[in-house]
Amino acid sequence: DNAFQTYYRNILQDLKDSKAVTEATEVIGVIAEAEKKNQLAIIDLVQVYTYAQLVEIFGNIPYSESLDITNIYPKYDDALTIYKDLLSRIDADLASMDDAYGSFGDADLYMGGDVAMWKKFANSMKVRIGITIADGDNATAKAAVESGYAGAFAPDEKCQLVYLDATNSNPIYQDVIQSGRSDFIAANTIIDAMNALADPRLPSYFDEVDGEYVGGPYGESNPFSQYSHIDEVVSSPTFPSVLLDGTEVAFYLAEAAERGYSVGGNAESYYNAGITSSFNTWGVSADAAAYLAKPEVAYATAAGNWKQKIGTQAWIAYYVRGQVAWTTYRRLDYPVMNTPPGPETSDGSVPARFTYPVKEQTLNKTNFQDAVSAMGGNELTTKLFWDKN
């Protein structure tokens, strides 16, 4: 319920209002007109990003009839139809942006008003959406990725929000430090995976317990003092929140190459670029070459098929970016997660989606029921159209 409400009310509605205010603002002159067009395109791109997030979380969602205060019973649109429309919107935004002019200036806390970087964000979104739907509509996916990759983020480029201080701070800091709680520990799946690889990013991700990195088993009580915790850099008030970056794009392009798309490089080179970019982000760039040379990491010798190789390393790199990691895991089915205790989880299954909000089931019942019927259920295990395995 909170996710649904936050995305629609706090984000999409605010962006809709921002668009209305910007459209209503009278401007004079070529420069002002160009800046206004850039502003409207950027607003729309953030809306596109938000709707894509919602589809990844729930599946079919209100889209074409959403954000209309006169329609309190919006229909749910088909997820693939939404993705296709989002790709069309990105193309329209790219066509309307002119990086010879500015946009929001310093008021843009993501890109500082840099329109050229927002164009890279747009192309990166095309790659991201394309790869996301690849198992559901390969033709649309291929076209999106091939048209976007050349203009997407390079490995060390990104769109991120750098928080200002304790009064405008990263939510991780709010949950872990500001709340005064002492019950957040590292889970054993990621600790075990990184320990097995002697991953140099471990000190950047977590702290040690008696000289070791120890993760807690899912579903257990896990005394706080006995397990590793989130590193103090990650839990600082100014730790940035990434929307999309070149690390992510590199792993998508590695996957695209394996799928036979024309993306200007091979899977191994993009895989190496993704890992190297992650090492650079976490301040351990000097260790990247040795890590990539390990037989259990090197693309030619790492265990499993391409889905396991790319899926595992992308998942490790997406630490603190839970939804991206979850979506990649759902698509590629790697890495294999540690199994929580209890017979109901003995198959190791991980939720495939969020169930629809209770409020929707009562306040928008008919459209909710239509969505459930179209999706094939409203369970945590109901898979989205691109989650084939």
Protein backbone atom coordinates (compact mmCIF):
# COMPACT_ATOMS: atom_id res chain seq x y z
CA ASP A 1 0.00 0.00 0.00
CA ASN A 2 2.75 2.45 0.93
CA ALA A 3 4.72 1.85 -2.27
CA PHE A 4 1.64 2.27 -4.48
CA GLN A 5 0.61 5.46 -2.69
CA THR A 6 4.09 6.97 -2.62
CA TYR A 7 4.72 6.45 -6.32
CA TYR A 8 1.35 7.82 -7.43
CA ARG A 9 0.65 10.56 -4.89
CA ASN A 10 4.09 11.76 -3.86
CA ILE A 11 6.00 11.34 -7.12
CA LEU A 12 3.81 11.08 -10.21
CA GLN A 13 1.25 13.63 -9.05
CA ASP A 14 4.01 16.09 -8.13
CA LEU A 15 5.57 15.60 -11.56
CA LYS A 16 2.20 16.15 -13.21
CA ASP A 17 1.80 19.40 -11.26
CA SER A 18 5.35 20.40 -12.20
CA LYS A 19 4.56 19.84 -15.85
CA ALA A 20 1.39 21.94 -15.58
CA VAL A 21 3.24 24.81 -13.91
CA THR A 22 6.03 24.68 -16.49
CA GLU A 23 3.61 24.58 -19.42
CA ALA A 24 1.71 27.56 -18.02
CA THR A 25 4.87 29.64 -17.58
CA GLU A 26 5.15 32.28 -20.30
CA VAL A 27 8.61 32.62 -21.78
CA ILE A 28 10.05 35.01 -24.32
CA GLY A 29 12.87 34.35 -26.74
CA VAL A 30 14.56 31.40 -28.38
CA ILE A 31 16.71 30.52 -25.38
CA ALA A 32 13.84 30.56 -22.91
CA GLU A 33 11.65 28.50 -25.24
CA ALA A 34 14.39 25.89 -25.67
CA GLU A 35 14.98 25.72 -21.92
CA LYS A 36 11.27 25.24 -21.32
CA LYS A 37 11.14 22.35 -23.80
CA ASN A 38 14.14 20.77 -22.08
CA GLN A 39 12.46 21.15 -18.69
CA LEU A 40 9.26 19.48 -19.88
CA ALA A 41 11.22 16.60 -21.41
CA ILE A 42 13.16 16.04 -18.19
CA ILE A 43 9.96 16.02 -16.13
CA ASP A 44 8.50 13.45 -18.50
CA LEU A 45 11.62 11.27 -18.33
CA VAL A 46 11.35 11.08 -14.55
CA GLN A 47 7.69 10.13 -14.96
CA VAL A 48 8.72 7.40 -17.39
CA TYR A 49 11.27 6.11 -14.90
CA THR A 50 8.65 6.09 -12.14
CA TYR A 51 6.02 4.23 -14.16
CA ALA A 52 8.64 1.65 -15.18
CA GLN A 53 9.43 1.13 -11.50
CA LEU A 54 5.76 0.61 -10.71
CA VAL A 55 5.37 -2.00 -13.44
CA GLU A 56 8.44 -3.85 -12.16
CA ILE A 57 6.90 -3.92 -8.69
CA PHE A 58 3.27 -4.80 -9.43
CA GLY A 59 2.78 -5.76 -13.09
CA ASN A 60 -0.33 -4.26 -14.69
CA ILE A 61 -1.05 -0.85 -13.18
CA PRO A 62 -3.25 2.22 -13.75
CA TYR A 63 -1.50 4.20 -16.47
CA SER A 64 -3.60 5.72 -19.27
CA GLU A 65 -6.33 6.75 -16.81
CA SER A 66 -4.08 7.48 -13.82
CA LEU A 67 -3.61 10.88 -12.13
CA ASP A 68 -7.08 12.04 -13.17
CA ILE A 69 -8.89 13.45 -10.14
CA THR A 70 -12.22 13.17 -11.97
CA ASN A 71 -11.77 9.41 -12.47
CA ILE A 72 -11.49 7.61 -9.15
CA TYR A 73 -11.80 4.20 -10.81
CA PRO A 74 -8.88 4.05 -13.27
CA LYS A 75 -8.44 0.94 -15.34
CA TYR A 76 -5.27 -1.15 -15.16
CA ASP A 77 -3.23 -1.18 -18.37
CA ASP A 78 -1.34 -4.19 -19.68
CA ALA A 79 2.30 -4.09 -18.60
CA LEU A 80 3.79 -4.62 -22.07
CA THR A 81 1.52 -1.94 -23.53
CA ILE A 82 2.79 0.46 -20.87
CA TYR A 83 6.42 -0.36 -21.60
CA LYS A 84 5.89 0.28 -25.32
CA ASP A 85 4.29 3.63 -24.61
CA LEU A 86 7.12 4.56 -22.25
CA LEU A 87 9.62 3.85 -25.03
CA SER A 88 7.62 6.11 -27.36
CA ARG A 89 7.66 8.86 -24.75
CA ILE A 90 11.42 8.55 -24.38
CA ASP A 91 11.86 8.95 -28.15
CA ALA A 92 9.65 12.05 -28.09
CA ASP A 93 11.63 13.50 -25.18
CA LEU A 94 14.93 12.87 -26.94
CA ALA A 95 13.59 14.60 -30.06
CA SER A 96 12.51 17.67 -28.09
CA MET A 97 15.69 18.13 -26.02
CA ASP A 98 18.47 20.40 -27.24
CA ASP A 99 21.68 20.18 -25.25
CA ALA A 100 22.87 23.49 -26.67
CA TYR A 101 20.57 25.04 -24.09
CA GLY A 102 20.04 24.67 -20.36
CA SER A 103 17.12 23.44 -18.28
CA PHE A 104 16.71 23.72 -14.51
CA GLY A 105 20.25 24.81 -13.63
CA ASP A 106 21.22 24.29 -10.00
CA ALA A 107 17.63 23.39 -9.12
CA ASP A 108 18.28 20.04 -10.81
CA LEU A 109 19.80 18.01 -7.97
CA TYR A 110 20.48 15.02 -10.22
CA MET A 111 22.32 16.41 -13.24
CA GLY A 112 22.80 20.10 -12.43
CA GLY A 113 20.70 21.04 -15.43
CA ASP A 114 23.01 19.25 -17.89
CA VAL A 115 20.72 18.38 -20.80
CA ALA A 116 23.36 16.23 -22.53
CA MET A 117 23.43 14.00 -19.45
CA TRP A 118 19.63 13.80 -19.40
CA LYS A 119 19.78 12.61 -23.01
CA LYS A 120 22.16 9.89 -21.87
CA PHE A 121 19.70 9.05 -19.10
CA ALA A 122 16.94 8.74 -21.71
CA ASN A 123 18.99 6.38 -23.87
CA SER A 124 19.99 4.38 -20.80
CA MET A 125 16.31 4.00 -19.95
CA LYS A 126 15.70 2.60 -23.43
CA VAL A 127 18.40 0.00 -22.79
CA ARG A 128 17.00 -0.79 -19.34
CA ILE A 129 13.40 -1.19 -20.49
CA GLY A 130 14.52 -3.17 -23.54
CA ILE A 131 16.50 -5.69 -21.51
CA THR A 132 13.74 -5.91 -18.90
CA ILE A 133 11.17 -7.05 -21.48
CA ALA A 134 13.56 -9.18 -23.56
CA ASP A 135 11.99 -12.51 -22.55
CA GLY A 136 8.50 -11.15 -23.13
CA ASP A 137 8.89 -9.28 -26.43
CA ASN A 138 12.31 -9.80 -27.96
CA ALA A 139 11.65 -7.74 -31.09
CA THR A 140 10.69 -4.62 -29.14
CA ALA A 141 13.55 -5.20 -26.73
CA LYS A 142 16.13 -5.55 -29.49
CA ALA A 143 14.97 -2.38 -31.23
CA ALA A 144 15.03 -0.38 -27.99
CA VAL A 145 18.49 -1.55 -26.92
CA GLU A 146 20.08 -1.13 -30.34
CA SER A 147 18.69 2.39 -30.74
CA GLY A 148 19.71 3.50 -27.25
CA TYR A 149 23.05 1.92 -26.36
CA ALA A 150 25.34 4.30 -28.28
CA GLY A 151 23.91 7.34 -26.49
CA ALA A 152 23.63 5.74 -23.04
CA PHE A 153 25.78 6.25 -19.95
CA ALA A 154 29.42 5.25 -20.15
CA PRO A 155 30.58 2.97 -17.30
CA ASP A 156 31.43 5.79 -14.86
CA GLU A 157 28.51 8.11 -15.68
CA LYS A 158 25.36 8.20 -13.60
CA CYS A 159 22.20 9.94 -12.54
CA GLN A 160 22.14 10.24 -8.77
CA LEU A 161 20.80 12.39 -5.96
CA VAL A 162 23.46 13.50 -3.50
CA TYR A 163 21.75 14.22 -0.20
CA LEU A 164 22.64 17.46 1.55
CA ASP A 165 22.85 16.75 5.27
CA ALA A 166 21.03 15.20 8.24
CA THR A 167 17.90 17.28 7.58
CA ASN A 168 17.75 16.14 3.94
CA SER A 169 19.35 12.74 4.24
CA ASN A 170 19.54 9.36 2.58
CA PRO A 171 16.72 7.04 3.77
CA ILE A 172 19.33 4.42 4.72
CA TYR A 173 20.74 6.87 7.25
CA GLN A 174 17.24 7.61 8.50
CA ASP A 175 16.48 3.92 9.01
CA VAL A 176 19.82 2.74 10.34
CA ILE A 177 21.18 5.71 12.30
CA GLN A 178 18.58 8.40 12.85
CA SER A 179 15.95 5.89 13.97
CA GLY A 180 18.21 4.71 16.80
CA ARG A 181 17.52 1.11 15.85
CA SER A 182 20.17 -1.59 16.11
CA ASP A 183 18.66 -4.47 14.20
CA PHE A 184 19.83 -4.09 10.60
CA ILE A 185 22.43 -6.70 9.67
CA ALA A 186 23.84 -8.12 6.47
CA ALA A 187 22.08 -11.19 5.07
CA ASN A 188 24.12 -14.31 4.54
CA THR A 189 23.42 -14.71 0.81
CA ILE A 190 25.45 -11.68 -0.23
CA ILE A 191 28.11 -12.17 2.47
CA ASP A 192 28.60 -15.82 1.52
CA ALA A 193 28.80 -14.99 -2.19
CA MET A 194 31.35 -12.21 -1.68
CA ASN A 195 33.41 -14.21 0.83
CA ALA A 196 33.66 -17.06 -1.67
CA LEU A 197 35.17 -14.62 -4.18
CA ALA A 198 37.29 -12.72 -1.62
CA ASP A 199 35.54 -9.68 -3.07
CA PRO A 200 37.52 -6.45 -2.40
CA ARG A 201 34.25 -4.49 -2.12
CA LEU A 202 33.37 -6.21 1.16
CA PRO A 203 34.96 -3.50 3.38
CA SER A 204 33.02 -0.86 1.46
CA TYR A 205 29.75 -2.71 1.88
CA PHE A 206 29.93 -4.07 5.45
CA ASP A 207 31.94 -4.10 8.67
CA GLU A 208 33.72 -7.07 10.23
CA VAL A 209 32.89 -9.18 13.26
CA ASP A 210 36.06 -10.50 14.94
CA GLY A 211 37.98 -10.05 11.70
CA GLU A 212 35.39 -11.76 9.47
CA TYR A 213 32.35 -10.85 7.41
CA VAL A 214 29.38 -12.78 8.76
CA GLY A 215 25.85 -12.65 7.37
CA GLY A 216 22.70 -13.56 9.25
CA PRO A 217 20.46 -16.44 8.09
CA TYR A 218 17.08 -15.36 6.74
CA GLY A 219 14.25 -15.78 9.21
CA GLU A 220 16.41 -16.19 12.31
CA SER A 221 16.68 -13.88 15.34
CA ASN A 222 20.28 -12.91 14.44
CA PRO A 223 21.70 -11.02 17.47
CA PHE A 224 22.99 -7.66 16.27
CA SER A 225 26.47 -8.01 17.77
CA GLN A 226 27.18 -11.33 16.08
CA TYR A 227 26.81 -10.27 12.45
CA SER A 228 28.19 -7.75 9.98
CA HIS A 229 26.44 -4.41 9.56
CA ILE A 230 26.04 -1.82 6.84
CA ASP A 231 29.28 0.14 6.40
CA GLU A 232 29.32 3.63 7.90
CA VAL A 233 29.86 5.22 4.46
CA VAL A 234 26.64 3.68 3.17
CA SER A 235 24.75 4.76 6.28
CA SER A 236 26.02 8.35 6.20
CA PRO A 237 23.43 11.13 5.71
CA THR A 238 24.94 12.31 2.41
CA PHE A 239 25.38 8.90 0.75
CA PRO A 240 23.96 9.32 -2.79
CA SER A 241 20.92 7.53 -4.18
CA VAL A 242 21.41 6.30 -7.76
CA LEU A 243 18.56 6.27 -10.26
CA LEU A 244 20.55 4.80 -13.13
CA ASP A 245 24.23 4.45 -13.93
CA GLY A 246 26.81 3.17 -16.35
CA THR A 247 27.50 0.09 -14.26
CA GLU A 248 23.94 -1.00 -14.81
CA VAL A 249 24.07 -0.19 -18.53
CA ALA A 250 27.28 -2.21 -18.97
CA PHE A 251 25.71 -5.33 -17.50
CA TYR A 252 22.62 -4.85 -19.67
CA LEU A 253 24.81 -4.60 -22.75
CA ALA A 254 26.69 -7.76 -21.77
CA GLU A 255 23.33 -9.48 -21.67
CA ALA A 256 22.27 -7.84 -24.95
CA ALA A 257 25.39 -9.17 -26.66
CA GLU A 258 24.58 -12.69 -25.45
CA ARG A 259 21.08 -12.27 -26.86
CA GLY A 260 22.53 -11.47 -30.27
CA TYR A 261 21.76 -7.74 -30.31
CA SER A 262 24.09 -5.39 -32.19
CA VAL A 263 25.57 -3.29 -29.39
CA GLY A 264 29.11 -2.56 -30.53
CA GLY A 265 30.90 -5.01 -28.26
CA ASN A 266 30.91 -8.51 -26.87
CA ALA A 267 29.52 -9.87 -23.63
CA GLU A 268 32.92 -10.30 -21.96
CA SER A 269 34.02 -6.71 -22.57
CA TYR A 270 30.77 -5.28 -21.20
CA TYR A 271 30.83 -7.69 -18.25
CA ASN A 272 34.36 -6.55 -17.40
CA ALA A 273 33.30 -2.91 -17.81
CA GLY A 274 30.39 -3.39 -15.41
CA ILE A 275 32.57 -4.94 -12.72
CA THR A 276 35.32 -2.34 -13.18
CA SER A 277 32.79 0.47 -12.99
CA SER A 278 31.43 -0.96 -9.74
CA PHE A 279 34.95 -1.16 -8.30
CA ASN A 280 35.54 2.47 -9.26
CA THR A 281 32.30 3.52 -7.57
CA TRP A 282 33.31 1.81 -4.32
CA GLY A 283 36.86 3.14 -4.28
CA VAL A 284 38.70 -0.11 -4.97
CA SER A 285 39.62 0.39 -8.63
CA ALA A 286 43.18 -0.84 -8.01
CA ASP A 287 41.81 -4.31 -7.24
CA ALA A 288 39.64 -4.68 -10.33
CA ALA A 289 42.16 -6.32 -12.67
CA ALA A 290 43.16 -9.00 -10.15
CA TYR A 291 39.53 -9.73 -9.35
CA LEU A 292 38.64 -10.10 -13.04
CA ALA A 293 41.56 -12.49 -13.48
CA LYS A 294 40.22 -14.95 -10.91
CA PRO A 295 38.98 -18.12 -12.61
CA GLU A 296 35.73 -17.96 -10.67
CA VAL A 297 35.13 -14.38 -11.92
CA ALA A 298 36.68 -14.30 -15.41
CA TYR A 299 33.96 -14.50 -18.03
CA ALA A 300 35.55 -17.41 -19.86
CA THR A 301 35.87 -19.59 -16.77
CA ALA A 302 33.26 -18.46 -14.21
CA ALA A 303 30.67 -21.09 -13.34
CA GLY A 304 27.44 -21.51 -15.25
CA ASN A 305 25.88 -20.04 -18.35
CA TRP A 306 25.83 -16.34 -19.24
CA LYS A 307 22.77 -15.73 -17.09
CA GLN A 308 24.59 -17.03 -14.02
CA LYS A 309 27.79 -15.11 -14.75
CA ILE A 310 26.16 -11.77 -15.51
CA GLY A 311 23.35 -12.23 -13.01
CA THR A 312 25.68 -12.94 -10.10
CA GLN A 313 28.10 -10.09 -10.72
CA ALA A 314 25.34 -7.58 -11.51
CA TRP A 315 23.53 -8.57 -8.31
CA ILE A 316 26.67 -7.99 -6.22
CA ALA A 317 27.25 -4.63 -7.92
CA TYR A 318 23.67 -3.52 -7.24
CA TYR A 319 24.13 -3.54 -3.48
CA VAL A 320 22.02 -0.68 -1.97
CA ARG A 321 19.92 -0.71 -5.16
CA GLY A 322 17.39 -3.30 -4.10
CA GLN A 323 14.80 -3.03 -6.84
CA VAL A 324 17.35 -3.22 -9.65
CA ALA A 325 18.93 -6.27 -8.04
CA TRP A 326 15.52 -7.89 -7.47
CA THR A 327 14.40 -7.28 -11.06
CA THR A 328 17.67 -8.66 -12.46
CA TYR A 329 17.36 -11.71 -10.21
CA ARG A 330 13.78 -12.32 -11.34
CA ARG A 331 14.76 -12.13 -15.00
CA LEU A 332 17.95 -14.20 -14.86
CA ASP A 333 17.26 -16.45 -11.83
CA TYR A 334 20.76 -15.94 -10.44
CA PRO A 335 22.41 -16.03 -8.00
CA VAL A 336 20.88 -18.93 -6.10
CA MET A 337 19.59 -17.51 -2.81
CA ASN A 338 20.17 -19.11 0.58
CA THR A 339 16.99 -20.79 1.76
CA PRO A 340 15.20 -19.50 4.87
CA PRO A 341 14.14 -22.07 7.49
CA GLY A 342 10.72 -23.67 7.41
CA PRO A 343 8.86 -26.00 5.05
CA GLU A 344 6.96 -23.14 3.37
CA THR A 345 10.25 -21.80 1.94
CA SER A 346 11.99 -25.08 1.26
CA ASP A 347 11.93 -24.42 -2.50
CA GLY A 348 13.93 -21.23 -1.99
CA SER A 349 11.33 -19.14 -3.81
CA VAL A 350 11.64 -15.37 -3.76
CA PRO A 351 8.60 -13.09 -4.22
CA ALA A 352 8.02 -12.41 -7.90
CA ARG A 353 6.07 -9.18 -7.34
CA PHE A 354 4.21 -7.11 -4.77
CA THR A 355 0.53 -7.91 -4.35
CA TYR A 356 -1.88 -5.08 -5.15
CA PRO A 357 -2.78 -2.71 -2.29
CA VAL A 358 -5.74 -3.62 -0.10
CA LYS A 359 -7.20 -0.19 -0.81
CA GLU A 360 -7.35 -0.97 -4.52
CA GLN A 361 -9.17 -4.21 -3.80
CA THR A 362 -11.91 -2.31 -1.99
CA LEU A 363 -12.03 1.12 -3.65
CA ASN A 364 -11.37 0.12 -7.27
CA LYS A 365 -12.71 -3.41 -7.10
CA THR A 366 -13.89 -3.99 -10.67
CA ASN A 367 -10.68 -2.79 -12.29
CA PHE A 368 -8.63 -4.60 -9.65
CA GLN A 369 -10.43 -7.85 -10.48
CA ASP A 370 -9.88 -7.31 -14.21
CA ALA A 371 -6.17 -6.80 -13.57
CA VAL A 372 -5.92 -9.93 -11.44
CA SER A 373 -7.66 -11.95 -14.14
CA ALA A 374 -5.34 -10.58 -16.84
CA MET A 375 -2.24 -11.22 -14.71
CA GLY A 376 -3.26 -14.74 -13.76
CA GLY A 377 -3.48 -14.01 -10.04
CA ASN A 378 -2.58 -11.57 -7.29
CA GLU A 379 -0.02 -13.61 -5.40
CA LEU A 380 3.57 -12.95 -4.45
CA THR A 381 4.38 -15.84 -6.77
CA THR A 382 2.41 -14.46 -9.76
CA LYS A 383 5.13 -13.83 -12.33
CA LEU A 384 5.23 -10.82 -14.63
CA PHE A 385 5.17 -11.36 -18.37
CA TRP A 386 8.95 -10.94 -18.68
CA ASP A 387 9.75 -13.35 -15.83
CA LYS A 388 9.62 -16.55 -17.86
CA ASN A 389 11.48 -19.09 -15.70
